[in-house]
Amino acid sequence: QVQLVESGGGLVQVGGSLRLSCSAPASIFSDNPMGWYRQAPGTQRVLVASITSGGRTNYADSVKGRFTISRDNDRNTVYLQMNNLRPEDTAVYYCNSVYYSDYPDDYWGQGTQVTVSS
């Protein structure tokens, strides 16, 4: 099983902020674009932000201007700074290589729960 470890989630009020971290094995992280995904109850996991090994970023429209993805290539770690959180941001957040988007659950970590209360 792939050792991806997400952390930093929690319960926050509307308008609050959280910073998620994800430690990935070098076999997945190195030279690969990485992404943060989220899955709300009863829905599919979706990509919300991605970053190339060179630092180019891309965001889903729903989080653009509020979330910032970054990576530390020396630590094989990817971050997601989430500001101005909304109730619809409530979900389990996962990180993984963008190339693994359609891989089964064995290729994913446990995720970290983010709950935004109104």
PDB file of N, CA and C in Angstrom:
ATOM      1  N   GLN A   1       0.835  -1.194   0.000  1.00  0.00           N
ATOM      2  CA  GLN A   1       0.000   0.000   0.000  1.00  0.00           C
ATOM      3  C   GLN A   1       0.872   1.246   0.000  1.00  0.00           C
ATOM      4  N   VAL A   2       0.419   2.249  -0.742  1.00  0.00           N
ATOM      5  CA  VAL A   2       1.181   3.494  -0.853  1.00  0.00           C
ATOM      6  C   VAL A   2       1.127   4.264   0.455  1.00  0.00           C
ATOM      7  N   GLN A   3       2.274   4.816   0.880  1.00  0.00           N
ATOM      8  CA  GLN A   3       2.342   5.537   2.149  1.00  0.00           C
ATOM      9  C   GLN A   3       2.205   7.034   1.921  1.00  0.00           C
ATOM     10  N   LEU A   4       0.982   7.469   1.763  1.00  0.00           N
ATOM     11  CA  LEU A   4       0.676   8.888   1.699  1.00  0.00           C
ATOM     12  C   LEU A   4       0.029   9.262   3.026  1.00  0.00           C
ATOM     13  N   VAL A   5       0.534  10.312   3.652  1.00  0.00           N
ATOM     14  CA  VAL A   5       0.028  10.706   4.961  1.00  0.00           C
ATOM     15  C   VAL A   5      -0.424  12.159   4.927  1.00  0.00           C
ATOM     16  N   GLU A   6      -1.734  12.330   5.022  1.00  0.00           N
ATOM     17  CA  GLU A   6      -2.318  13.667   5.053  1.00  0.00           C
ATOM     18  C   GLU A   6      -2.593  14.076   6.496  1.00  0.00           C
ATOM     19  N   SER A   7      -2.442  15.370   6.770  1.00  0.00           N
ATOM     20  CA  SER A   7      -2.708  15.884   8.109  1.00  0.00           C
ATOM     21  C   SER A   7      -3.136  17.341   8.037  1.00  0.00           C
ATOM     22  N   GLY A   8      -3.641  17.860   9.152  1.00  0.00           N
ATOM     23  CA  GLY A   8      -3.970  19.269   9.248  1.00  0.00           C
ATOM     24  C   GLY A   8      -5.445  19.595   9.192  1.00  0.00           C
ATOM     25  N   GLY A   9      -6.276  18.588   8.975  1.00  0.00           N
ATOM     26  CA  GLY A   9      -7.703  18.846   8.927  1.00  0.00           C
ATOM     27  C   GLY A   9      -8.275  19.145  10.301  1.00  0.00           C
ATOM     28  N   GLY A  10      -9.554  19.473  10.323  1.00  0.00           N
ATOM     29  CA  GLY A  10     -10.200  19.765  11.590  1.00  0.00           C
ATOM     30  C   GLY A  10     -11.534  20.435  11.384  1.00  0.00           C
ATOM     31  N   LEU A  11     -12.075  20.933  12.484  1.00  0.00           N
ATOM     32  CA  LEU A  11     -13.349  21.650  12.479  1.00  0.00           C
ATOM     33  C   LEU A  11     -13.063  23.137  12.535  1.00  0.00           C
ATOM     34  N   VAL A  12     -13.653  23.882  11.621  1.00  0.00           N
ATOM     35  CA  VAL A  12     -13.424  25.317  11.551  1.00  0.00           C
ATOM     36  C   VAL A  12     -14.726  26.014  11.196  1.00  0.00           C
ATOM     37  N   GLN A  13     -14.849  27.246  11.620  1.00  0.00           N
ATOM     38  CA  GLN A  13     -16.055  28.012  11.298  1.00  0.00           C
ATOM     39  C   GLN A  13     -15.953  28.629   9.909  1.00  0.00           C
ATOM     40  N   VAL A  14     -17.080  28.985   9.372  1.00  0.00           N
ATOM     41  CA  VAL A  14     -17.114  29.659   8.076  1.00  0.00           C
ATOM     42  C   VAL A  14     -16.186  30.879   8.108  1.00  0.00           C
ATOM     43  N   GLY A  15     -15.392  30.997   7.052  1.00  0.00           N
ATOM     44  CA  GLY A  15     -14.452  32.099   6.964  1.00  0.00           C
ATOM     45  C   GLY A  15     -13.089  31.799   7.559  1.00  0.00           C
ATOM     46  N   GLY A  16     -12.964  30.666   8.215  1.00  0.00           N
ATOM     47  CA  GLY A  16     -11.703  30.304   8.838  1.00  0.00           C
ATOM     48  C   GLY A  16     -10.703  29.736   7.856  1.00  0.00           C
ATOM     49  N   SER A  17      -9.556  29.332   8.394  1.00  0.00           N
ATOM     50  CA  SER A  17      -8.461  28.829   7.569  1.00  0.00           C
ATOM     51  C   SER A  17      -7.896  27.539   8.150  1.00  0.00           C
ATOM     52  N   LEU A  18      -7.360  26.729   7.264  1.00  0.00           N
ATOM     53  CA  LEU A  18      -6.626  25.527   7.642  1.00  0.00           C
ATOM     54  C   LEU A  18      -5.480  25.337   6.669  1.00  0.00           C
ATOM     55  N   ARG A  19      -4.442  24.675   7.138  1.00  0.00           N
ATOM     56  CA  ARG A  19      -3.327  24.320   6.267  1.00  0.00           C
ATOM     57  C   ARG A  19      -3.119  22.814   6.331  1.00  0.00           C
ATOM     58  N   LEU A  20      -3.299  22.164   5.204  1.00  0.00           N
ATOM     59  CA  LEU A  20      -3.116  20.723   5.105  1.00  0.00           C
ATOM     60  C   LEU A  20      -1.708  20.399   4.642  1.00  0.00           C
ATOM     61  N   SER A  21      -1.193  19.280   5.120  1.00  0.00           N
ATOM     62  CA  SER A  21       0.115  18.787   4.702  1.00  0.00           C
ATOM     63  C   SER A  21      -0.011  17.349   4.236  1.00  0.00           C
ATOM     64  N   CYS A  22       0.849  16.966   3.332  1.00  0.00           N
ATOM     65  CA  CYS A  22       0.846  15.597   2.841  1.00  0.00           C
ATOM     66  C   CYS A  22       2.277  15.158   2.582  1.00  0.00           C
ATOM     67  N   SER A  23       2.658  14.095   3.238  1.00  0.00           N
ATOM     68  CA  SER A  23       3.967  13.491   3.014  1.00  0.00           C
ATOM     69  C   SER A  23       3.805  12.326   2.051  1.00  0.00           C
ATOM     70  N   ALA A  24       4.610  12.324   1.007  1.00  0.00           N
ATOM     71  CA  ALA A  24       4.489  11.291  -0.020  1.00  0.00           C
ATOM     72  C   ALA A  24       5.828  10.582  -0.221  1.00  0.00           C
ATOM     73  N   PRO A  25       5.793   9.320  -0.629  1.00  0.00           N
ATOM     74  CA  PRO A  25       7.044   8.638  -0.948  1.00  0.00           C
ATOM     75  C   PRO A  25       7.659   9.232  -2.204  1.00  0.00           C
ATOM     76  N   ALA A  26       8.985   9.175  -2.251  1.00  0.00           N
ATOM     77  CA  ALA A  26       9.694   9.763  -3.382  1.00  0.00           C
ATOM     78  C   ALA A  26       9.258   9.150  -4.712  1.00  0.00           C
ATOM     79  N   SER A  27       8.879   7.883  -4.682  1.00  0.00           N
ATOM     80  CA  SER A  27       8.473   7.211  -5.917  1.00  0.00           C
ATOM     81  C   SER A  27       7.250   7.859  -6.547  1.00  0.00           C
ATOM     82  N   ILE A  28       6.430   8.502  -5.727  1.00  0.00           N
ATOM     83  CA  ILE A  28       5.242   9.198  -6.230  1.00  0.00           C
ATOM     84  C   ILE A  28       5.525  10.678  -6.429  1.00  0.00           C
ATOM     85  N   PHE A  29       6.271  11.270  -5.486  1.00  0.00           N
ATOM     86  CA  PHE A  29       6.410  12.717  -5.444  1.00  0.00           C
ATOM     87  C   PHE A  29       7.381  13.254  -6.488  1.00  0.00           C
ATOM     88  N   SER A  30       8.538  12.615  -6.574  1.00  0.00           N
ATOM     89  CA  SER A  30       9.634  13.180  -7.362  1.00  0.00           C
ATOM     90  C   SER A  30       9.264  13.366  -8.823  1.00  0.00           C
ATOM     91  N   ASP A  31       9.420  14.612  -9.276  1.00  0.00           N
ATOM     92  CA  ASP A  31       9.239  14.980 -10.680  1.00  0.00           C
ATOM     93  C   ASP A  31       7.806  14.824 -11.190  1.00  0.00           C
ATOM     94  N   ASN A  32       6.876  14.514 -10.296  1.00  0.00           N
ATOM     95  CA  ASN A  32       5.493  14.334 -10.707  1.00  0.00           C
ATOM     96  C   ASN A  32       4.620  15.502 -10.273  1.00  0.00           C
ATOM     97  N   PRO A  33       3.633  15.839 -11.069  1.00  0.00           N
ATOM     98  CA  PRO A  33       2.648  16.807 -10.581  1.00  0.00           C
ATOM     99  C   PRO A  33       1.836  16.176  -9.463  1.00  0.00           C
ATOM    100  N   MET A  34       1.614  16.936  -8.404  1.00  0.00           N
ATOM    101  CA  MET A  34       0.862  16.464  -7.257  1.00  0.00           C
ATOM    102  C   MET A  34      -0.451  17.232  -7.146  1.00  0.00           C
ATOM    103  N   GLY A  35      -1.428  16.577  -6.555  1.00  0.00           N
ATOM    104  CA  GLY A  35      -2.724  17.208  -6.435  1.00  0.00           C
ATOM    105  C   GLY A  35      -3.348  16.996  -5.069  1.00  0.00           C
ATOM    106  N   TRP A  36      -4.221  17.915  -4.716  1.00  0.00           N
ATOM    107  CA  TRP A  36      -5.107  17.744  -3.573  1.00  0.00           C
ATOM    108  C   TRP A  36      -6.504  17.458  -4.125  1.00  0.00           C
ATOM    109  N   TYR A  37      -7.107  16.452  -3.550  1.00  0.00           N
ATOM    110  CA  TYR A  37      -8.438  16.023  -3.949  1.00  0.00           C
ATOM    111  C   TYR A  37      -9.345  16.104  -2.723  1.00  0.00           C
ATOM    112  N   ARG A  38     -10.641  16.104  -2.977  1.00  0.00           N
ATOM    113  CA  ARG A  38     -11.570  16.024  -1.856  1.00  0.00           C
ATOM    114  C   ARG A  38     -12.772  15.182  -2.243  1.00  0.00           C
ATOM    115  N   GLN A  39     -13.331  14.572  -1.211  1.00  0.00           N
ATOM    116  CA  GLN A  39     -14.495  13.711  -1.415  1.00  0.00           C
ATOM    117  C   GLN A  39     -15.499  13.978  -0.307  1.00  0.00           C
ATOM    118  N   ALA A  40     -16.630  14.509  -0.697  1.00  0.00           N
ATOM    119  CA  ALA A  40     -17.733  14.723   0.230  1.00  0.00           C
ATOM    120  C   ALA A  40     -18.587  13.454   0.280  1.00  0.00           C
ATOM    121  N   PRO A  41     -19.347  13.249   1.358  1.00  0.00           N
ATOM    122  CA  PRO A  41     -20.173  12.039   1.464  1.00  0.00           C
ATOM    123  C   PRO A  41     -21.085  11.858   0.253  1.00  0.00           C
ATOM    124  N   GLY A  42     -21.078  10.650  -0.312  1.00  0.00           N
ATOM    125  CA  GLY A  42     -21.956  10.350  -1.426  1.00  0.00           C
ATOM    126  C   GLY A  42     -21.514  10.888  -2.765  1.00  0.00           C
ATOM    127  N   THR A  43     -20.278  11.408  -2.833  1.00  0.00           N
ATOM    128  CA  THR A  43     -19.796  11.968  -4.089  1.00  0.00           C
ATOM    129  C   THR A  43     -18.474  11.316  -4.481  1.00  0.00           C
ATOM    130  N   GLN A  44     -18.061  11.589  -5.707  1.00  0.00           N
ATOM    131  CA  GLN A  44     -16.768  11.099  -6.190  1.00  0.00           C
ATOM    132  C   GLN A  44     -15.646  11.993  -5.677  1.00  0.00           C
ATOM    133  N   ARG A  45     -14.480  11.437  -5.588  1.00  0.00           N
ATOM    134  CA  ARG A  45     -13.295  12.224  -5.273  1.00  0.00           C
ATOM    135  C   ARG A  45     -12.960  13.119  -6.468  1.00  0.00           C
ATOM    136  N   VAL A  46     -12.703  14.390  -6.192  1.00  0.00           N
ATOM    137  CA  VAL A  46     -12.421  15.346  -7.266  1.00  0.00           C
ATOM    138  C   VAL A  46     -11.139  16.111  -6.969  1.00  0.00           C
ATOM    139  N   LEU A  47     -10.462  16.480  -8.023  1.00  0.00           N
ATOM    140  CA  LEU A  47      -9.234  17.252  -7.910  1.00  0.00           C
ATOM    141  C   LEU A  47      -9.581  18.723  -7.695  1.00  0.00           C
ATOM    142  N   VAL A  48      -8.998  19.340  -6.667  1.00  0.00           N
ATOM    143  CA  VAL A  48      -9.279  20.753  -6.418  1.00  0.00           C
ATOM    144  C   VAL A  48      -8.068  21.640  -6.669  1.00  0.00           C
ATOM    145  N   ALA A  49      -6.861  21.075  -6.616  1.00  0.00           N
ATOM    146  CA  ALA A  49      -5.664  21.873  -6.862  1.00  0.00           C
ATOM    147  C   ALA A  49      -4.529  20.945  -7.269  1.00  0.00           C
ATOM    148  N   SER A  50      -3.667  21.448  -8.140  1.00  0.00           N
ATOM    149  CA  SER A  50      -2.513  20.653  -8.562  1.00  0.00           C
ATOM    150  C   SER A  50      -1.303  21.553  -8.723  1.00  0.00           C
ATOM    151  N   ILE A  51      -0.131  20.935  -8.659  1.00  0.00           N
ATOM    152  CA  ILE A  51       1.115  21.682  -8.797  1.00  0.00           C
ATOM    153  C   ILE A  51       2.142  20.784  -9.473  1.00  0.00           C
ATOM    154  N   THR A  52       2.813  21.332 -10.473  1.00  0.00           N
ATOM    155  CA  THR A  52       3.857  20.577 -11.151  1.00  0.00           C
ATOM    156  C   THR A  52       5.133  20.578 -10.321  1.00  0.00           C
ATOM    157  N   SER A  53       6.103  19.774 -10.716  1.00  0.00           N
ATOM    158  CA  SER A  53       7.374  19.744  -9.988  1.00  0.00           C
ATOM    159  C   SER A  53       8.078  21.093 -10.067  1.00  0.00           C
ATOM    160  N   GLY A  54       7.765  21.871 -11.090  1.00  0.00           N
ATOM    161  CA  GLY A  54       8.358  23.195 -11.243  1.00  0.00           C
ATOM    162  C   GLY A  54       7.575  24.313 -10.583  1.00  0.00           C
ATOM    163  N   GLY A  55       6.428  23.962  -9.987  1.00  0.00           N
ATOM    164  CA  GLY A  55       5.678  24.952  -9.233  1.00  0.00           C
ATOM    165  C   GLY A  55       4.489  25.576  -9.944  1.00  0.00           C
ATOM    166  N   ARG A  56       4.179  25.106 -11.132  1.00  0.00           N
ATOM    167  CA  ARG A  56       3.008  25.646 -11.812  1.00  0.00           C
ATOM    168  C   ARG A  56       1.743  25.082 -11.172  1.00  0.00           C
ATOM    169  N   THR A  57       0.788  25.949 -10.905  1.00  0.00           N
ATOM    170  CA  THR A  57      -0.415  25.533 -10.171  1.00  0.00           C
ATOM    171  C   THR A  57      -1.682  25.655 -11.013  1.00  0.00           C
ATOM    172  N   ASN A  58      -2.676  24.887 -10.595  1.00  0.00           N
ATOM    173  CA  ASN A  58      -3.976  24.953 -11.243  1.00  0.00           C
ATOM    174  C   ASN A  58      -5.034  24.656 -10.188  1.00  0.00           C
ATOM    175  N   TYR A  59      -6.198  25.319 -10.312  1.00  0.00           N
ATOM    176  CA  TYR A  59      -7.227  25.195  -9.296  1.00  0.00           C
ATOM    177  C   TYR A  59      -8.594  24.983  -9.924  1.00  0.00           C
ATOM    178  N   ALA A  60      -9.421  24.239  -9.203  1.00  0.00           N
ATOM    179  CA  ALA A  60     -10.829  24.156  -9.580  1.00  0.00           C
ATOM    180  C   ALA A  60     -11.471  25.518  -9.340  1.00  0.00           C
ATOM    181  N   ASP A  61     -12.473  25.835 -10.128  1.00  0.00           N
ATOM    182  CA  ASP A  61     -13.134  27.136  -9.995  1.00  0.00           C
ATOM    183  C   ASP A  61     -13.701  27.336  -8.590  1.00  0.00           C
ATOM    184  N   SER A  62     -14.120  26.261  -7.967  1.00  0.00           N
ATOM    185  CA  SER A  62     -14.772  26.364  -6.663  1.00  0.00           C
ATOM    186  C   SER A  62     -13.820  26.827  -5.550  1.00  0.00           C
ATOM    187  N   VAL A  63     -12.509  26.699  -5.772  1.00  0.00           N
ATOM    188  CA  VAL A  63     -11.550  27.066  -4.720  1.00  0.00           C
ATOM    189  C   VAL A  63     -10.596  28.170  -5.160  1.00  0.00           C
ATOM    190  N   LYS A  64     -10.692  28.563  -6.405  1.00  0.00           N
ATOM    191  CA  LYS A  64      -9.767  29.560  -6.941  1.00  0.00           C
ATOM    192  C   LYS A  64      -9.862  30.858  -6.142  1.00  0.00           C
ATOM    193  N   GLY A  65      -8.714  31.385  -5.759  1.00  0.00           N
ATOM    194  CA  GLY A  65      -8.676  32.613  -4.992  1.00  0.00           C
ATOM    195  C   GLY A  65      -8.758  32.405  -3.489  1.00  0.00           C
ATOM    196  N   ARG A  66      -9.080  31.192  -3.063  1.00  0.00           N
ATOM    197  CA  ARG A  66      -9.176  30.887  -1.630  1.00  0.00           C
ATOM    198  C   ARG A  66      -8.148  29.861  -1.182  1.00  0.00           C
ATOM    199  N   PHE A  67      -7.806  28.914  -2.051  1.00  0.00           N
ATOM    200  CA  PHE A  67      -6.856  27.853  -1.719  1.00  0.00           C
ATOM    201  C   PHE A  67      -5.543  28.105  -2.449  1.00  0.00           C
ATOM    202  N   THR A  68      -4.442  27.712  -1.788  1.00  0.00           N
ATOM    203  CA  THR A  68      -3.121  27.802  -2.396  1.00  0.00           C
ATOM    204  C   THR A  68      -2.365  26.502  -2.178  1.00  0.00           C
ATOM    205  N   ILE A  69      -1.950  25.898  -3.262  1.00  0.00           N
ATOM    206  CA  ILE A  69      -1.162  24.668  -3.176  1.00  0.00           C
ATOM    207  C   ILE A  69       0.317  25.010  -3.318  1.00  0.00           C
ATOM    208  N   SER A  70       1.140  24.303  -2.571  1.00  0.00           N
ATOM    209  CA  SER A  70       2.590  24.480  -2.664  1.00  0.00           C
ATOM    210  C   SER A  70       3.262  23.149  -2.380  1.00  0.00           C
ATOM    211  N   ARG A  71       4.549  23.078  -2.654  1.00  0.00           N
ATOM    212  CA  ARG A  71       5.278  21.831  -2.429  1.00  0.00           C
ATOM    213  C   ARG A  71       6.697  22.115  -1.990  1.00  0.00           C
ATOM    214  N   ASP A  72       7.234  21.207  -1.198  1.00  0.00           N
ATOM    215  CA  ASP A  72       8.627  21.265  -0.775  1.00  0.00           C
ATOM    216  C   ASP A  72       9.296  20.030  -1.358  1.00  0.00           C
ATOM    217  N   ASN A  73      10.060  20.230  -2.411  1.00  0.00           N
ATOM    218  CA  ASN A  73      10.647  19.093  -3.114  1.00  0.00           C
ATOM    219  C   ASN A  73      11.744  18.407  -2.300  1.00  0.00           C
ATOM    220  N   ASP A  74      12.307  19.097  -1.333  1.00  0.00           N
ATOM    221  CA  ASP A  74      13.336  18.480  -0.486  1.00  0.00           C
ATOM    222  C   ASP A  74      12.717  17.552   0.558  1.00  0.00           C
ATOM    223  N   ARG A  75      11.481  17.827   0.922  1.00  0.00           N
ATOM    224  CA  ARG A  75      10.795  17.041   1.956  1.00  0.00           C
ATOM    225  C   ARG A  75       9.710  16.124   1.407  1.00  0.00           C
ATOM    226  N   ASN A  76       9.562  16.098   0.079  1.00  0.00           N
ATOM    227  CA  ASN A  76       8.501  15.277  -0.530  1.00  0.00           C
ATOM    228  C   ASN A  76       7.145  15.567   0.113  1.00  0.00           C
ATOM    229  N   THR A  77       6.873  16.831   0.302  1.00  0.00           N
ATOM    230  CA  THR A  77       5.651  17.247   0.989  1.00  0.00           C
ATOM    231  C   THR A  77       4.909  18.267   0.141  1.00  0.00           C
ATOM    232  N   VAL A  78       3.595  18.134   0.131  1.00  0.00           N
ATOM    233  CA  VAL A  78       2.746  19.092  -0.564  1.00  0.00           C
ATOM    234  C   VAL A  78       1.769  19.676   0.451  1.00  0.00           C
ATOM    235  N   TYR A  79       1.458  20.945   0.289  1.00  0.00           N
ATOM    236  CA  TYR A  79       0.619  21.677   1.237  1.00  0.00           C
ATOM    237  C   TYR A  79      -0.610  22.237   0.524  1.00  0.00           C
ATOM    238  N   LEU A  80      -1.636  22.494   1.317  1.00  0.00           N
ATOM    239  CA  LEU A  80      -2.813  23.190   0.808  1.00  0.00           C
ATOM    240  C   LEU A  80      -3.253  24.198   1.866  1.00  0.00           C
ATOM    241  N   GLN A  81      -3.035  25.465   1.570  1.00  0.00           N
ATOM    242  CA  GLN A  81      -3.519  26.537   2.438  1.00  0.00           C
ATOM    243  C   GLN A  81      -4.942  26.866   2.016  1.00  0.00           C
ATOM    244  N   MET A  82      -5.866  26.755   2.951  1.00  0.00           N
ATOM    245  CA  MET A  82      -7.285  26.977   2.654  1.00  0.00           C
ATOM    246  C   MET A  82      -7.781  28.162   3.478  1.00  0.00           C
ATOM    247  N   ASN A  83      -8.196  29.205   2.803  1.00  0.00           N
ATOM    248  CA  ASN A  83      -8.699  30.397   3.455  1.00  0.00           C
ATOM    249  C   ASN A  83     -10.162  30.622   3.102  1.00  0.00           C
ATOM    250  N   ASN A  84     -10.816  31.457   3.907  1.00  0.00           N
ATOM    251  CA  ASN A  84     -12.221  31.800   3.652  1.00  0.00           C
ATOM    252  C   ASN A  84     -13.057  30.538   3.400  1.00  0.00           C
ATOM    253  N   LEU A  85     -12.942  29.594   4.297  1.00  0.00           N
ATOM    254  CA  LEU A  85     -13.612  28.304   4.117  1.00  0.00           C
ATOM    255  C   LEU A  85     -15.126  28.445   4.172  1.00  0.00           C
ATOM    256  N   ARG A  86     -15.785  27.590   3.391  1.00  0.00           N
ATOM    257  CA  ARG A  86     -17.233  27.580   3.278  1.00  0.00           C
ATOM    258  C   ARG A  86     -17.770  26.200   3.671  1.00  0.00           C
ATOM    259  N   PRO A  87     -19.045  26.109   4.028  1.00  0.00           N
ATOM    260  CA  PRO A  87     -19.602  24.786   4.372  1.00  0.00           C
ATOM    261  C   PRO A  87     -19.436  23.767   3.249  1.00  0.00           C
ATOM    262  N   GLU A  88     -19.491  24.210   2.006  1.00  0.00           N
ATOM    263  CA  GLU A  88     -19.357  23.281   0.879  1.00  0.00           C
ATOM    264  C   GLU A  88     -17.933  22.753   0.697  1.00  0.00           C
ATOM    265  N   ASP A  89     -16.993  23.286   1.475  1.00  0.00           N
ATOM    266  CA  ASP A  89     -15.626  22.744   1.461  1.00  0.00           C
ATOM    267  C   ASP A  89     -15.498  21.518   2.370  1.00  0.00           C
ATOM    268  N   THR A  90     -16.537  21.224   3.125  1.00  0.00           N
ATOM    269  CA  THR A  90     -16.507  20.064   4.010  1.00  0.00           C
ATOM    270  C   THR A  90     -16.340  18.780   3.206  1.00  0.00           C
ATOM    271  N   ALA A  91     -15.297  18.020   3.550  1.00  0.00           N
ATOM    272  CA  ALA A  91     -14.976  16.803   2.803  1.00  0.00           C
ATOM    273  C   ALA A  91     -13.759  16.150   3.445  1.00  0.00           C
ATOM    274  N   VAL A  92     -13.455  14.946   2.986  1.00  0.00           N
ATOM    275  CA  VAL A  92     -12.165  14.335   3.291  1.00  0.00           C
ATOM    276  C   VAL A  92     -11.206  14.737   2.186  1.00  0.00           C
ATOM    277  N   TYR A  93     -10.043  15.240   2.578  1.00  0.00           N
ATOM    278  CA  TYR A  93      -9.052  15.727   1.627  1.00  0.00           C
ATOM    279  C   TYR A  93      -7.906  14.727   1.512  1.00  0.00           C
ATOM    280  N   TYR A  94      -7.532  14.462   0.271  1.00  0.00           N
ATOM    281  CA  TYR A  94      -6.464  13.515  -0.041  1.00  0.00           C
ATOM    282  C   TYR A  94      -5.435  14.193  -0.945  1.00  0.00           C
ATOM    283  N   CYS A  95      -4.224  13.694  -0.880  1.00  0.00           N
ATOM    284  CA  CYS A  95      -3.234  14.118  -1.870  1.00  0.00           C
ATOM    285  C   CYS A  95      -2.742  12.895  -2.626  1.00  0.00           C
ATOM    286  N   ASN A  96      -2.264  13.131  -3.826  1.00  0.00           N
ATOM    287  CA  ASN A  96      -1.685  12.066  -4.622  1.00  0.00           C
ATOM    288  C   ASN A  96      -1.102  12.662  -5.891  1.00  0.00           C
ATOM    289  N   SER A  97      -0.328  11.859  -6.576  1.00  0.00           N
ATOM    290  CA  SER A  97       0.123  12.278  -7.893  1.00  0.00           C
ATOM    291  C   SER A  97      -1.103  12.431  -8.804  1.00  0.00           C
ATOM    292  N   VAL A  98      -1.051  13.412  -9.647  1.00  0.00           N
ATOM    293  CA  VAL A  98      -2.138  13.617 -10.606  1.00  0.00           C
ATOM    294  C   VAL A  98      -2.290  12.389 -11.494  1.00  0.00           C
ATOM    295  N   TYR A  99      -1.214  11.667 -11.726  1.00  0.00           N
ATOM    296  CA  TYR A  99      -1.257  10.476 -12.571  1.00  0.00           C
ATOM    297  C   TYR A  99      -2.017   9.327 -11.910  1.00  0.00           C
ATOM    298  N   TYR A 100      -2.258   9.421 -10.621  1.00  0.00           N
ATOM    299  CA  TYR A 100      -2.940   8.361  -9.888  1.00  0.00           C
ATOM    300  C   TYR A 100      -4.432   8.645  -9.702  1.00  0.00           C
ATOM    301  N   SER A 101      -4.948   9.617 -10.381  1.00  0.00           N
ATOM    302  CA  SER A 101      -6.327  10.058 -10.153  1.00  0.00           C
ATOM    303  C   SER A 101      -7.339   8.920 -10.199  1.00  0.00           C
ATOM    304  N   ASP A 102      -7.133   7.978 -11.112  1.00  0.00           N
ATOM    305  CA  ASP A 102      -8.119   6.907 -11.300  1.00  0.00           C
ATOM    306  C   ASP A 102      -7.693   5.598 -10.649  1.00  0.00           C
ATOM    307  N   TYR A 103      -6.671   5.654  -9.825  1.00  0.00           N
ATOM    308  CA  TYR A 103      -6.183   4.431  -9.193  1.00  0.00           C
ATOM    309  C   TYR A 103      -7.112   4.031  -8.048  1.00  0.00           C
ATOM    310  N   PRO A 104      -7.149   2.739  -7.731  1.00  0.00           N
ATOM    311  CA  PRO A 104      -8.036   2.297  -6.652  1.00  0.00           C
ATOM    312  C   PRO A 104      -7.554   2.757  -5.281  1.00  0.00           C
ATOM    313  N   ASP A 105      -8.369   2.473  -4.275  1.00  0.00           N
ATOM    314  CA  ASP A 105      -8.133   3.002  -2.933  1.00  0.00           C
ATOM    315  C   ASP A 105      -6.790   2.572  -2.336  1.00  0.00           C
ATOM    316  N   ASP A 106      -6.251   1.435  -2.792  1.00  0.00           N
ATOM    317  CA  ASP A 106      -4.967   0.981  -2.260  1.00  0.00           C
ATOM    318  C   ASP A 106      -3.841   1.967  -2.534  1.00  0.00           C
ATOM    319  N   TYR A 107      -4.036   2.839  -3.498  1.00  0.00           N
ATOM    320  CA  TYR A 107      -3.013   3.807  -3.887  1.00  0.00           C
ATOM    321  C   TYR A 107      -3.231   5.166  -3.243  1.00  0.00           C
ATOM    322  N   TRP A 108      -4.102   5.212  -2.253  1.00  0.00           N
ATOM    323  CA  TRP A 108      -4.422   6.470  -1.591  1.00  0.00           C
ATOM    324  C   TRP A 108      -4.190   6.349  -0.093  1.00  0.00           C
ATOM    325  N   GLY A 109      -3.952   7.499   0.551  1.00  0.00           N
ATOM    326  CA  GLY A 109      -3.839   7.525   1.992  1.00  0.00           C
ATOM    327  C   GLY A 109      -5.202   7.578   2.655  1.00  0.00           C
ATOM    328  N   GLN A 110      -5.178   7.822   3.969  1.00  0.00           N
ATOM    329  CA  GLN A 110      -6.416   7.852   4.744  1.00  0.00           C
ATOM    330  C   GLN A 110      -7.170   9.164   4.586  1.00  0.00           C
ATOM    331  N   GLY A 111      -6.470  10.174   4.148  1.00  0.00           N
ATOM    332  CA  GLY A 111      -7.102  11.481   4.017  1.00  0.00           C
ATOM    333  C   GLY A 111      -7.202  12.194   5.352  1.00  0.00           C
ATOM    334  N   THR A 112      -7.616  13.443   5.292  1.00  0.00           N
ATOM    335  CA  THR A 112      -7.828  14.235   6.504  1.00  0.00           C
ATOM    336  C   THR A 112      -9.157  14.956   6.388  1.00  0.00           C
ATOM    337  N   GLN A 113      -9.953  14.870   7.441  1.00  0.00           N
ATOM    338  CA  GLN A 113     -11.317  15.417   7.428  1.00  0.00           C
ATOM    339  C   GLN A 113     -11.287  16.919   7.668  1.00  0.00           C
ATOM    340  N   VAL A 114     -11.973  17.640   6.817  1.00  0.00           N
ATOM    341  CA  VAL A 114     -12.191  19.078   6.997  1.00  0.00           C
ATOM    342  C   VAL A 114     -13.692  19.304   7.139  1.00  0.00           C
ATOM    343  N   THR A 115     -14.069  19.937   8.228  1.00  0.00           N
ATOM    344  CA  THR A 115     -15.474  20.238   8.469  1.00  0.00           C
ATOM    345  C   THR A 115     -15.610  21.726   8.724  1.00  0.00           C
ATOM    346  N   VAL A 116     -16.458  22.368   7.931  1.00  0.00           N
ATOM    347  CA  VAL A 116     -16.686  23.804   8.059  1.00  0.00           C
ATOM    348  C   VAL A 116     -18.100  24.010   8.577  1.00  0.00           C
ATOM    349  N   SER A 117     -18.206  24.611   9.742  1.00  0.00           N
ATOM    350  CA  SER A 117     -19.520  24.815  10.356  1.00  0.00           C
ATOM    351  C   SER A 117     -20.016  26.227  10.097  1.00  0.00           C
ATOM    352  N   SER A 118     -21.316  26.320   9.891  1.00  0.00           N
ATOM    353  CA  SER A 118     -21.921  27.639   9.618  1.00  0.00           C
ATOM    354  C   SER A 118     -22.516  28.234  10.875  1.00  0.00           C
TER     355      SER A 118
END
